[in-house]
Each structure stands twice: as structure tokens, then as C-alpha cells.
Protein backbone atom coordinates (compact mmCIF):
# COMPACT_ATOMS: atom_id res chain seq x y z
CA MET A 1 -8.70 13.13 -11.43
CA ALA A 2 -7.30 11.84 -14.73
CA VAL A 3 -4.08 9.96 -14.57
CA THR A 4 -2.24 11.54 -17.44
CA SER A 5 1.33 12.01 -18.67
CA ALA A 6 3.05 14.97 -16.98
CA THR A 7 3.97 17.92 -19.06
CA ALA A 8 5.85 21.11 -18.49
CA PRO A 9 3.98 24.44 -18.49
CA PRO A 10 2.28 25.11 -21.84
CA ALA A 11 3.80 27.45 -24.40
CA GLY A 12 1.37 30.18 -23.45
CA SER A 13 2.88 30.48 -19.98
CA PRO A 14 4.32 33.98 -19.10
CA GLU A 15 7.57 34.74 -20.79
CA VAL A 16 10.66 36.39 -19.31
CA VAL A 17 9.84 39.57 -17.36
CA GLY A 18 12.47 42.11 -16.39
CA GLU A 19 14.99 42.87 -19.09
CA SER A 20 13.41 43.59 -22.46
CA ASP A 21 14.48 44.59 -25.95
CA GLY A 22 12.26 47.71 -26.06
CA ALA A 23 12.90 51.45 -25.53
CA GLU A 24 13.26 51.13 -21.75
CA ALA A 25 16.13 48.71 -22.10
CA SER A 26 17.98 50.87 -24.57
CA SER A 27 17.69 53.89 -22.29
CA GLY A 28 19.48 51.99 -19.51
CA ALA A 29 16.68 52.90 -17.02
CA SER A 30 15.76 50.36 -14.33
CA SER A 31 12.05 49.61 -14.05
CA PRO A 32 10.06 47.21 -11.81
CA PRO A 33 8.82 43.98 -13.18
CA LYS A 34 5.44 44.20 -14.91
CA ASP A 35 4.31 40.86 -13.49
CA PRO A 36 2.96 41.21 -9.88
CA LEU A 37 4.26 37.71 -9.13
CA HIS A 38 7.80 38.60 -10.24
CA ARG A 39 7.73 35.51 -12.42
CA ARG A 40 10.73 34.62 -14.53
CA ARG A 41 10.61 31.84 -17.06
CA THR A 42 13.76 30.19 -18.32
CA GLY A 43 13.77 27.30 -20.76
CA GLY A 44 15.28 26.22 -24.04
CA GLY A 45 16.78 23.01 -22.82
CA SER A 46 16.35 20.38 -20.21
CA THR A 47 14.85 22.73 -17.60
CA ASP A 48 11.89 25.00 -17.47
CA ARG A 49 10.67 27.27 -14.69
CA VAL A 50 8.28 30.03 -13.98
CA ASP A 51 9.16 31.75 -10.67
CA SER A 52 6.56 32.54 -8.08
CA PRO A 53 6.42 32.86 -4.32
CA LEU A 54 5.46 29.21 -3.97
CA THR A 55 8.17 27.85 -6.27
CA ALA A 56 10.66 29.89 -4.23
CA ILE A 57 9.61 27.98 -1.17
CA ALA A 58 9.72 24.68 -3.03
CA GLU A 59 13.23 25.46 -4.23
CA SER A 60 14.44 26.28 -0.80
CA LEU A 61 13.07 22.94 0.37
CA LEU A 62 14.14 20.65 -2.53
CA GLY A 63 16.71 22.54 -4.53
CA SER A 64 16.50 23.62 -8.15
CA ASP A 65 17.81 20.49 -9.93
CA LEU A 66 14.68 18.40 -9.61
CA PRO A 67 13.99 15.25 -11.68
CA VAL A 68 10.26 15.96 -11.58
CA GLY A 69 8.09 19.07 -11.96
CA ILE A 70 6.31 21.15 -9.38
CA ARG A 71 3.42 23.36 -10.56
CA THR A 72 1.79 25.81 -8.18
CA TYR A 73 -1.61 27.50 -8.15
CA ASP A 74 0.07 30.94 -8.33
CA GLY A 75 1.33 30.18 -11.82
CA GLY A 76 4.75 28.92 -10.87
CA TYR A 77 6.67 25.90 -12.24
CA LEU A 78 9.92 24.37 -11.22
CA GLY A 79 11.55 21.32 -12.85
CA PRO A 80 12.54 19.73 -16.12
CA ALA A 81 10.89 20.74 -19.39
CA ASP A 82 9.63 17.20 -19.99
CA PRO A 83 9.28 15.65 -16.57
CA PRO A 84 8.13 12.03 -15.84
CA ALA A 85 5.78 13.40 -13.20
CA VAL A 86 4.44 16.68 -11.89
CA LEU A 87 3.32 17.55 -8.40
CA GLU A 88 0.55 20.11 -8.66
CA VAL A 89 -0.24 22.33 -5.66
CA ARG A 90 -3.80 23.25 -6.53
CA SER A 91 -4.88 25.59 -3.75
CA VAL A 92 -3.92 27.39 -0.56
CA ASP A 93 -5.67 24.58 1.35
CA ALA A 94 -2.74 22.31 0.45
CA LEU A 95 -0.47 24.69 2.40
CA ARG A 96 -2.86 24.87 5.26
CA ARG A 97 -2.86 21.09 5.59
CA LEU A 98 0.98 21.01 5.44
CA VAL A 99 1.28 23.75 8.09
CA THR A 100 -1.21 22.21 10.54
CA ALA A 101 0.05 18.64 10.04
CA PRO A 102 3.65 18.90 8.83
CA GLY A 103 5.12 15.92 7.04
CA GLU A 104 3.58 12.75 5.75
CA LEU A 105 0.08 13.17 7.26
CA GLY A 106 -0.42 16.70 5.91
CA PHE A 107 0.73 15.68 2.49
CA ALA A 108 -1.59 12.65 2.51
CA ARG A 109 -4.62 14.76 3.58
CA ALA A 110 -3.87 17.23 0.80
CA TYR A 111 -3.58 14.54 -1.83
CA VAL A 112 -6.67 12.58 -0.65
CA ALA A 113 -8.72 15.81 -0.61
CA GLY A 114 -7.50 16.82 -4.09
CA ASP A 115 -5.57 19.85 -2.94
CA ILE A 116 -2.47 18.28 -4.37
CA GLU A 117 -2.32 16.30 -7.61
CA ILE A 118 0.27 13.85 -8.91
CA THR A 119 0.21 13.48 -12.71
CA GLY A 120 2.42 11.13 -14.66
CA ASP A 121 4.62 8.50 -13.10
CA ILE A 122 3.80 8.41 -9.36
CA PHE A 123 6.78 6.09 -8.69
CA ALA A 124 9.20 8.78 -10.10
CA LEU A 125 7.76 11.32 -7.70
CA LEU A 126 7.55 9.23 -4.62
CA GLY A 127 11.04 7.94 -5.34
CA LEU A 128 12.39 11.37 -4.34
CA ARG A 129 12.26 10.39 -0.67
CA THR A 130 15.44 8.32 -1.18
CA SER A 131 17.30 10.73 -3.48
CA LEU A 132 16.68 14.04 -1.74
CA PRO A 133 17.77 15.18 1.70
CA ARG A 134 15.00 15.38 4.27
CA PRO A 135 13.21 18.64 3.47
CA LYS A 136 13.31 21.30 6.18
CA LEU A 137 12.00 24.86 5.87
CA SER A 138 14.25 27.67 6.98
CA PRO A 139 12.68 30.27 9.25
CA GLY A 140 12.52 32.66 6.34
CA ALA A 141 10.71 30.12 4.18
CA TRP A 142 8.28 29.42 7.01
CA ALA A 143 7.58 33.14 7.28
CA ARG A 144 6.96 33.39 3.52
CA ALA A 145 4.61 30.36 3.62
CA LEU A 146 2.62 31.83 6.50
CA ARG A 147 2.25 35.15 4.63
CA ILE A 148 0.89 33.25 1.63
CA VAL A 149 -1.61 31.23 3.68
CA GLY A 150 -2.69 34.20 5.81
CA PRO A 151 -4.39 34.24 9.23
CA SER A 152 -6.12 30.90 8.50
CA ALA A 153 -2.76 29.04 8.48
CA PHE A 154 -3.13 27.53 11.94
CA ARG A 155 -6.88 26.75 11.69
CA PRO A 156 -7.00 23.10 10.63
CA LEU A 157 -9.29 22.14 7.80
CA GLU A 158 -11.73 19.36 8.23
CA VAL A 159 -9.86 16.08 7.62
CA PRO A 160 -11.07 13.79 4.75
CA PRO A 161 -13.82 11.43 6.02
CA GLU A 162 -11.72 8.41 4.89
CA GLU A 163 -9.29 9.17 7.71
CA LEU A 164 -9.82 6.87 10.80
CA LYS A 165 -8.76 7.09 14.41
CA PRO A 166 -10.13 3.82 15.89
CA ALA A 167 -11.93 4.01 19.18
CA GLY A 168 -11.85 1.61 22.14
CA ARG A 169 -9.28 -0.64 23.71
CA LEU A 170 -6.39 -1.43 21.34
CA HIS A 171 -6.95 -4.81 19.58
CA SER A 172 -10.26 -5.52 21.32
CA LEU A 173 -12.67 -7.48 19.07
CA ARG A 174 -14.76 -4.39 18.53
CA ARG A 175 -11.85 -2.10 17.65
CA ASP A 176 -10.26 -4.66 15.31
CA ARG A 177 -13.58 -5.10 13.50
CA GLN A 178 -13.73 -1.29 13.06
CA SER A 179 -10.19 -1.18 11.64
CA VAL A 180 -10.68 -4.18 9.28
CA SER A 181 -14.04 -2.80 8.07
CA HIS A 182 -12.43 0.54 7.33
CA HIS A 183 -9.89 -1.11 5.03
CA TYR A 184 -11.79 -3.96 3.41
CA ASP A 185 -15.47 -3.03 3.41
CA VAL A 186 -14.93 -0.45 0.64
CA SER A 187 -16.30 -2.05 -2.49
CA ASN A 188 -15.87 -5.57 -3.75
CA ASP A 189 -16.20 -4.31 -7.32
CA PHE A 190 -13.32 -1.93 -6.68
CA TYR A 191 -11.10 -4.73 -5.32
CA GLU A 192 -11.97 -6.95 -8.30
CA THR A 193 -10.87 -4.17 -10.71
CA VAL A 194 -7.58 -3.59 -8.85
CA LEU A 195 -6.65 -7.14 -7.81
CA GLY A 196 -7.88 -8.90 -10.90
CA PRO A 197 -9.66 -12.27 -11.21
CA ALA A 198 -7.58 -13.85 -8.43
CA MET A 199 -9.11 -11.51 -5.80
CA THR A 200 -5.97 -12.16 -3.77
CA TYR A 201 -4.74 -9.26 -1.73
CA SER A 202 -1.19 -10.42 -0.92
CA CYS A 203 2.16 -10.88 -2.56
CA ALA A 204 2.17 -13.00 -5.74
CA LEU A 205 4.98 -15.36 -6.86
CA PHE A 206 6.40 -14.48 -10.28
CA THR A 207 8.02 -17.67 -11.58
CA GLU A 208 9.06 -16.22 -14.92
CA PRO A 209 10.15 -12.78 -16.22
CA ASP A 210 7.00 -12.34 -18.26
CA CYS A 211 4.60 -14.06 -15.76
CA SER A 212 1.17 -12.41 -15.54
CA LEU A 213 -0.33 -11.30 -12.22
CA ASP A 214 -3.05 -13.96 -12.48
CA ARG A 215 -0.52 -16.77 -12.95
CA ALA A 216 1.70 -15.39 -10.21
CA GLN A 217 -1.15 -15.37 -7.72
CA TRP A 218 -2.02 -19.00 -8.61
CA SER A 219 1.66 -19.94 -8.05
CA LYS A 220 1.71 -18.27 -4.64
CA LEU A 221 -1.44 -20.14 -3.53
CA GLU A 222 0.02 -23.46 -4.84
CA LEU A 223 3.33 -22.72 -2.98
CA VAL A 224 1.44 -22.32 0.29
CA CYS A 225 -0.57 -25.47 -0.26
CA SER A 226 2.64 -27.36 -1.06
CA LYS A 227 4.49 -26.12 1.97
CA LEU A 228 1.52 -27.21 4.13
CA ALA A 229 1.65 -30.62 2.49
CA LEU A 230 -2.12 -30.58 1.88
CA ARG A 231 -3.80 -33.75 0.70
CA PRO A 232 -7.42 -35.02 0.45
CA GLY A 233 -9.19 -35.44 3.77
CA MET A 234 -7.15 -32.92 5.70
CA ARG A 235 -8.81 -29.95 7.40
CA LEU A 236 -7.40 -26.45 6.70
CA LEU A 237 -7.97 -23.22 8.55
CA ASP A 238 -7.19 -19.98 6.66
CA VAL A 239 -7.12 -17.05 9.14
CA GLY A 240 -8.08 -13.69 7.62
CA CYS A 241 -9.28 -15.44 4.52
CA GLY A 242 -10.11 -12.31 2.52
CA TRP A 243 -12.26 -13.25 -0.47
CA GLY A 244 -11.54 -16.91 -0.08
CA SER A 245 -8.89 -17.50 -2.73
CA MET A 246 -6.79 -19.74 -0.52
CA VAL A 247 -9.54 -22.05 0.76
CA ARG A 248 -11.09 -22.31 -2.70
CA HIS A 249 -7.68 -23.18 -4.27
CA ALA A 250 -6.85 -25.74 -1.56
CA ALA A 251 -10.26 -27.44 -1.84
CA ARG A 252 -10.25 -27.51 -5.70
CA HIS A 253 -6.65 -28.68 -6.24
CA HIS A 254 -5.86 -30.56 -3.02
CA GLY A 255 -9.24 -32.00 -1.90
CA VAL A 256 -9.13 -30.57 1.66
CA GLU A 257 -11.98 -29.48 3.78
CA ALA A 258 -11.31 -25.75 4.44
CA LEU A 259 -12.63 -23.10 6.84
CA GLY A 260 -11.91 -19.46 6.06
CA VAL A 261 -12.54 -16.84 8.69
CA THR A 262 -12.81 -13.11 8.26
CA ILE A 263 -14.26 -10.20 10.22
CA SER A 264 -15.03 -8.25 7.03
CA GLU A 265 -18.76 -8.56 6.14
CA GLU A 266 -18.17 -7.56 2.53
CA GLN A 267 -15.41 -10.17 2.11
CA ALA A 268 -17.52 -12.87 3.69
CA ARG A 269 -20.50 -12.07 1.46
CA TRP A 270 -18.42 -12.18 -1.76
CA ALA A 271 -16.45 -15.30 -0.79
CA ARG A 272 -19.60 -17.28 0.08
CA GLN A 273 -21.17 -16.51 -3.20
CA ARG A 274 -17.97 -17.45 -5.11
CA VAL A 275 -17.73 -20.77 -3.17
CA ALA A 276 -21.34 -21.56 -4.17
CA ASP A 277 -20.79 -20.56 -7.82
CA GLU A 278 -17.69 -22.82 -8.01
CA GLY A 279 -19.54 -25.81 -6.54
CA LEU A 280 -17.31 -26.01 -3.50
CA SER A 281 -19.91 -25.69 -0.75
CA ASP A 282 -19.39 -29.28 0.39
CA LEU A 283 -15.68 -28.60 1.07
CA VAL A 284 -15.43 -24.88 1.97
CA GLU A 285 -17.03 -22.79 4.69
CA ILE A 286 -16.62 -19.05 5.00
CA ARG A 287 -17.36 -17.88 8.53
CA LEU A 288 -17.75 -14.35 9.76
CA ALA A 289 -15.59 -14.74 12.91
CA ASP A 290 -12.42 -13.63 14.64
CA TYR A 291 -9.68 -16.21 15.19
CA ARG A 292 -10.14 -15.68 18.99
CA GLU A 293 -13.72 -16.91 18.65
CA LEU A 294 -12.66 -20.32 17.38
CA GLY A 295 -12.87 -22.89 20.21
CA GLY A 296 -13.22 -26.66 20.38
CA GLU A 297 -11.95 -27.12 16.74
CA THR A 298 -8.71 -28.53 15.47
CA PHE A 299 -7.03 -28.43 12.05
CA ASP A 300 -4.38 -30.39 10.26
CA ALA A 301 -2.88 -27.22 8.74
CA ILE A 302 -3.26 -23.45 9.19
CA SER A 303 -2.45 -20.65 6.71
CA SER A 304 -2.20 -17.00 7.80
CA ILE A 305 -1.66 -14.86 4.68
CA GLY A 306 -1.45 -11.07 5.25
CA MET A 307 -3.24 -11.45 8.54
CA SER A 308 -0.66 -11.08 11.32
CA GLU A 309 0.04 -7.43 10.29
CA HIS A 310 -3.40 -6.63 11.79
CA VAL A 311 -2.74 -8.47 15.01
CA GLY A 312 -0.36 -6.05 16.70
CA ASP A 313 3.18 -5.74 18.12
CA VAL A 314 5.35 -8.72 19.05
CA ASP A 315 3.69 -9.32 22.41
CA VAL A 316 0.28 -9.55 20.89
CA LEU A 317 1.73 -11.58 18.01
CA GLU A 318 2.91 -14.29 20.44
CA GLN A 319 -0.67 -14.56 21.76
CA TYR A 320 -1.85 -14.88 18.18
CA TYR A 321 0.52 -17.78 17.46
CA ARG A 322 -0.42 -19.44 20.74
CA SER A 323 -4.09 -19.30 19.72
CA LEU A 324 -3.26 -20.89 16.39
CA ALA A 325 -1.06 -23.54 18.02
CA ASN A 326 -3.96 -24.53 20.22
CA LEU A 327 -6.06 -25.09 17.08
CA LEU A 328 -3.42 -27.16 15.31
CA GLU A 329 -3.13 -30.91 15.49
CA PRO A 330 0.21 -32.28 16.84
CA GLY A 331 2.68 -32.37 13.96
CA GLY A 332 0.49 -30.01 11.91
CA ARG A 333 2.00 -27.24 9.86
CA LEU A 334 1.41 -23.48 10.02
CA LEU A 335 2.38 -21.07 7.23
CA ASN A 336 2.59 -17.39 8.14
CA HIS A 337 2.95 -14.95 5.25
CA ALA A 338 3.51 -11.40 6.49
CA ILE A 339 5.09 -7.98 5.84
CA SER A 340 8.04 -7.17 8.14
CA ARG A 341 10.41 -4.29 8.88
CA PRO A 342 14.21 -4.43 9.23
CA PRO A 343 15.85 -4.94 12.66
CA GLY A 344 15.72 -1.90 14.85
CA ALA A 345 12.69 -0.40 13.18
CA ARG A 346 9.56 0.31 15.24
CA ALA A 347 7.02 -2.43 14.58
CA GLY A 348 3.81 -0.41 15.14
CA ILE A 349 2.51 1.64 12.22
CA GLY A 350 2.57 5.24 13.41
CA PRO A 351 -0.83 6.54 14.46
CA ARG A 352 -0.09 9.86 12.67
CA SER A 353 1.22 8.24 9.50
CA PHE A 354 -0.64 8.03 6.22
CA VAL A 355 -0.85 4.23 6.50
CA GLY A 356 -1.87 4.40 10.14
CA ARG A 357 -4.77 6.77 9.45
CA TYR A 358 -5.95 5.72 5.96
CA VAL A 359 -4.90 2.14 5.30
CA PHE A 360 -4.02 -0.11 8.24
CA PRO A 361 -5.10 1.48 11.48
CA ASP A 362 -3.50 -0.27 14.52
CA GLY A 363 -1.31 -2.39 12.21
CA ALA A 364 2.18 -3.58 13.00
CA LEU A 365 5.10 -4.88 10.89
CA VAL A 366 7.18 -7.08 13.19
CA GLU A 367 10.82 -7.97 12.21
CA VAL A 368 10.94 -11.48 10.96
CA GLY A 369 13.38 -12.66 13.63
CA GLN A 370 11.09 -11.36 16.39
CA ALA A 371 8.14 -13.02 14.68
CA ILE A 372 9.93 -16.38 14.56
CA SER A 373 10.87 -16.01 18.25
CA ALA A 374 7.24 -15.23 19.12
CA MET A 375 6.15 -18.32 17.05
CA GLN A 376 8.57 -20.63 18.85
CA SER A 377 7.65 -19.25 22.30
CA ALA A 378 4.05 -20.19 21.47
CA GLY A 379 4.82 -23.90 21.06
CA LEU A 380 5.61 -23.99 17.32
CA GLU A 381 8.94 -24.85 15.69
CA ALA A 382 10.07 -22.75 12.77
CA ARG A 383 11.39 -24.90 9.89
CA HIS A 384 11.73 -22.73 6.88
CA MET A 385 11.72 -19.00 5.97
CA GLU A 386 12.01 -17.10 2.68
CA ASN A 387 11.81 -13.42 1.72
CA LEU A 388 9.66 -12.51 -1.26
CA ARG A 389 9.99 -8.73 -1.20
CA GLU A 390 10.91 -8.29 -4.87
CA HIS A 391 7.73 -10.23 -5.72
CA TYR A 392 5.59 -7.91 -3.64
CA ALA A 393 7.07 -4.88 -5.38
CA ARG A 394 6.11 -6.37 -8.70
CA THR A 395 2.66 -7.31 -7.40
CA LEU A 396 2.00 -3.77 -6.18
CA ARG A 397 3.12 -2.23 -9.52
CA ALA A 398 0.68 -4.52 -11.27
CA TRP A 399 -2.15 -3.37 -8.97
CA VAL A 400 -1.22 0.32 -9.59
CA ASP A 401 -1.31 -0.43 -13.36
CA ASN A 402 -4.85 -1.90 -12.94
CA LEU A 403 -6.00 1.11 -10.90
CA GLU A 404 -4.63 3.75 -13.27
CA ALA A 405 -5.77 1.89 -16.40
CA ASN A 406 -9.30 1.79 -15.00
CA TRP A 407 -9.26 5.05 -13.09
CA GLU A 408 -12.81 6.33 -13.89
CA LEU A 409 -14.24 2.87 -13.17
CA CYS A 410 -12.48 2.67 -9.84
CA VAL A 411 -13.65 6.15 -8.88
CA SER A 412 -17.25 5.12 -9.68
CA GLN A 413 -16.86 2.03 -7.51
CA ALA A 414 -15.19 3.40 -4.47
CA GLY A 415 -15.01 7.26 -4.80
CA GLU A 416 -12.18 9.45 -5.84
CA ALA A 417 -10.70 9.79 -2.36
CA ARG A 418 -10.47 5.99 -1.95
CA ALA A 419 -8.90 5.60 -5.33
CA ARG A 420 -6.30 8.22 -4.38
CA ILE A 421 -5.55 6.50 -1.11
CA TRP A 422 -4.91 3.17 -2.83
CA ARG A 423 -2.80 4.82 -5.57
CA LEU A 424 -0.60 6.50 -3.02
CA TYR A 425 -0.43 3.53 -0.67
CA MET A 426 0.37 0.89 -3.29
CA ALA A 427 2.98 2.97 -5.14
CA GLY A 428 4.74 3.97 -1.96
CA SER A 429 4.71 0.37 -0.73
CA ALA A 430 6.19 -0.93 -3.99
CA LEU A 431 9.08 1.45 -3.55
CA GLY A 432 9.49 0.33 0.09
CA PHE A 433 9.87 -3.28 -0.97
CA GLU A 434 12.31 -2.37 -3.78
CA ASP A 435 14.48 -0.38 -1.34
CA ALA A 436 14.33 -3.08 1.39
CA ARG A 437 12.67 -0.70 3.83
CA ILE A 438 10.02 -3.42 4.25
CA ALA A 439 9.94 -7.09 3.27
CA VAL A 440 7.46 -9.95 3.09
CA ASN A 441 8.36 -13.29 4.56
CA GLN A 442 6.83 -16.81 4.50
CA VAL A 443 7.65 -18.72 7.71
CA LEU A 444 6.70 -22.43 7.86
CA ALA A 445 6.36 -23.91 11.30
CA VAL A 446 5.12 -27.23 12.82
CA HIS A 447 3.34 -28.07 16.00
CA ARG A 448 5.93 -29.49 18.47
CA GLY A 449 3.73 -32.32 19.75
CA ALA A 450 4.15 -35.94 18.70
CA GLY A 451 6.86 -35.38 16.13
CA SER A 452 6.58 -33.25 13.01
CA ASN A 453 7.20 -35.81 10.20
CA PHE A 454 8.96 -32.90 8.49
CA PRO A 455 11.06 -34.02 5.50
CA ALA A 456 14.88 -34.06 5.66
CA ARG A 457 14.85 -31.38 2.86
CA PRO A 458 12.00 -29.25 1.57
CA ASP A 459 9.76 -31.41 -0.61
CA TRP A 460 7.87 -28.65 -2.39
CA SER A 461 8.62 -26.82 -5.62
CA PRO A 462 9.89 -23.32 -4.99
CA ALA A 463 8.26 -22.10 -8.22
CA PRO A 464 5.02 -23.90 -9.00
CA THR A 465 4.03 -23.51 -12.66
CA ALA A 466 0.59 -22.00 -13.15
CA PRO A 467 -1.76 -22.79 -16.06
CA GLU A 468 -2.09 -20.12 -18.74
CA ASP A 469 -5.53 -18.95 -17.64
CA PRO A 470 -5.78 -19.96 -13.96
CA PHE A 471 -8.87 -17.92 -13.06
CA GLY A 472 -10.81 -18.16 -16.30
CA ARG A 473 -10.18 -14.50 -17.37
CA SER A 474 -10.59 -15.48 -21.01
CA ARG A 475 -13.83 -17.32 -20.54
């Protein structure tokens, strides 16, 4: 797939069929359309269309005044003459997927498999979910769709191999390793291209209007270190350490001894090599382990950045915080940075959703109030919380820019289906943060034992200033 600017149908598309200025029209006789698809093109302004059976179904679902274009494999087009984006229905298999798995999952399967294409501004197209009523096919439209698909309509196609339904007991060590490997053991080269030199797969902190992604990621890492009050000689645990950006930053800039744990083999391999390359092996250890496998060790501070979403619903989350509290020295600080949902929303990511099958199997987004309650029930005292959702929207848009600007490279690194998954997931998530359907919160807590020594007022900078080239991109 090439990520290109969307355009309306080319000038060579079929012209108006029906009334004509020839002899038949002057005779007043009525004749059937010459085009077997009964296509009618109208244009000459802000709209352009070529009617077909499929565009008739699309119009019954979405209306005729669309801000984006829809192009169908039967030659139809519906939408503006110069749309910001076009949804292309490439084959009858797209309809089969939508019929056999109506809604989000069917659409995702069709897009991942290449039966549907999105050209142009993907944000403009996905943004329709908030501006259009929930699409619902009438019985007549269903009948037309089934006639187009034919007898095969209810025979499901093979799902893309990138789709996962984890096996085993929910949140067992084995099942969690399977889910994490599905998401992270894709291609370290791919993640480097999308995430940039920071190799940090979490919300950045943009301290200035023109702040770069690299500088924003450095500022986020520094903010976490400052909130944890790290200083030389302290021992830090980073749970779900990813590619080791947090532990490397903390060791280099704050002189701590740091342990990063991950259950992704690819992340651990990359992080260990980077620790060695940066001369930090005497301060940083990357361990291939689950947090539940840490015993007999204690830490002065713990960071959990983008980890608790993998843990589970609120009941499992309390067990997670209790495990971390048992690893934390009395008075030590814990910083949890996690995506959340608004009050009343279901925490668990739906098992038949796009994200549940392709991105975060078994994940959960717990409302921040419930997360804080779980934290305090586990023996921790919450002392500070902030919401950074606008920053995550901007982070995700920067990642989408990296992906689209390096599309062919990303496809060569991870495969076209994976590149499609990440494009759809990151763009949709950015819109979710912008619309406040999801948020990302940093919650700072202290261990209740022996006094917290917490300052009367926060003693960290809310917007640490990053150097111009924090990760050596220019070197």
C-alpha cells in the first residue's frame, strides 16, 4: 500500500447515463440506461459521485453529504470532488468480512487483509465516528448487500494471521507472555522507525508548541525521575521496561542502580545491547522476567510506565500494586503511568474488538479513580495525579507521521499487515485522546511505612527542558 493523497474519481470515469442530447432524447422516447450498473455521475462543484449498487448501500448507511470519499470496486464513488481521504472497498471479500463479523472487527479484518484501503488523511476518515450517527443497515440494504456477496456471504474468510485469541487461564504467566510477545516481538527495527531514537513506547511530554518528539520523550523520562526523587545510590525498578529507555535515562542522569524487567525477548535483547553500547552495564540490568517472579528484592523507587494496562481489570490491578508495594522500601515512591477510561466505561478491552484481537489482547483500561483506590488498598498512599491525554494525542500523531513517511521501510521490517494494524491503531487512539474517550494519567504514590518524607508541595519541575538533541539523532 502507498499512503497517498486522496483524490476523486479520475476524469475518465463514466459520465452521465440516462438523458442524452442525441436523437433518442429529441424523440421523447424512454430508453433503459446503457450502463449495466445504472451509474450516474454528478459533479461540477464540491461533490462528485458515480452511482453503483455499493454506493447506494453506503449512502443508506452514511448519508450523501460525506466529508470524505468512498470508492467501490464496482466503479462507484460517493463524496466530495477533492476529499481529504478516501475509503476504498477493493473486493467482495470486504463485504464478506463485514457480514460475518459486523462492526469494528469486520472492518479491521478487511483493512488488515487489504480488502479495504484508506488513502489520504486517516484521521479525517476515522473522525467520522464522532460526527455521524451509528450506521445501521435497513432490511432492504441488507438484502441488497447479500445479493451482491452471493451464497458465500455467511461463509467466513480465514482471518488474518496477525489476529490473536490467547489461550490458557486469563493473566497466567504463560498467557501474558503470549499476549506481550504478540504485540512487542514484531521487529525492533520497525519500532525504531516508528518511535524514533528514544525507543519509548509511551506518552511524551511536549513542553513547548514546537517541541520535537525526541525532546518530548526526554522530558517525560526526566519528569518521572524527578517525581520519584531519584539520586545517586538509589535502586530503581522499572516494571515492563520496554527497550530500557527509563532505566538508561535514570542511570545516566541520576546515578541510580536500575533493574528493568520485561517478558518480551526482543525488547530484552535490544535493551541489553543498548545498555552495553552506552557503557551503563555497571548500573543497569535488563532481566527477562515477570514482576510476579521478583522475590527477596527491595527498591527505593518503582516506575510502571505503560505496564498496568496489560495487568487486567481492577481486581487484578490491586494484586499488581500489592506486589509492587512488597518490593518497595518504606517511604519509597511509585509512579504509575497508564491509559484509563472515563467513569462508567467497561475497563476490559473487548475480546471481539480490533484492539483486543490485534493490539492488546487481554488488556484493560481502568478508570483512574478506581486505579487510585486499588493502589491505596494495596498499602500505598496516592499523593499526586495528572492527566496528559493531549500529550498522548500529539505523541501518536508523531508516530503516525513516522510510519507514513517511511511506509515502504516499515512494510519491509514488519510486513504490510502489521504496518496497517499500527496505522489504524495509532490514528484511532490519537482521536480517542483528543475526544476524551480515553486518557493517560501519572499517579505518584508512596509506601505507607515509616513516613513518606514527601514534600509539603511538589518539588519537581512540571515541564523539564530537554537538550536540543537528547538521543544523538544528529550524530
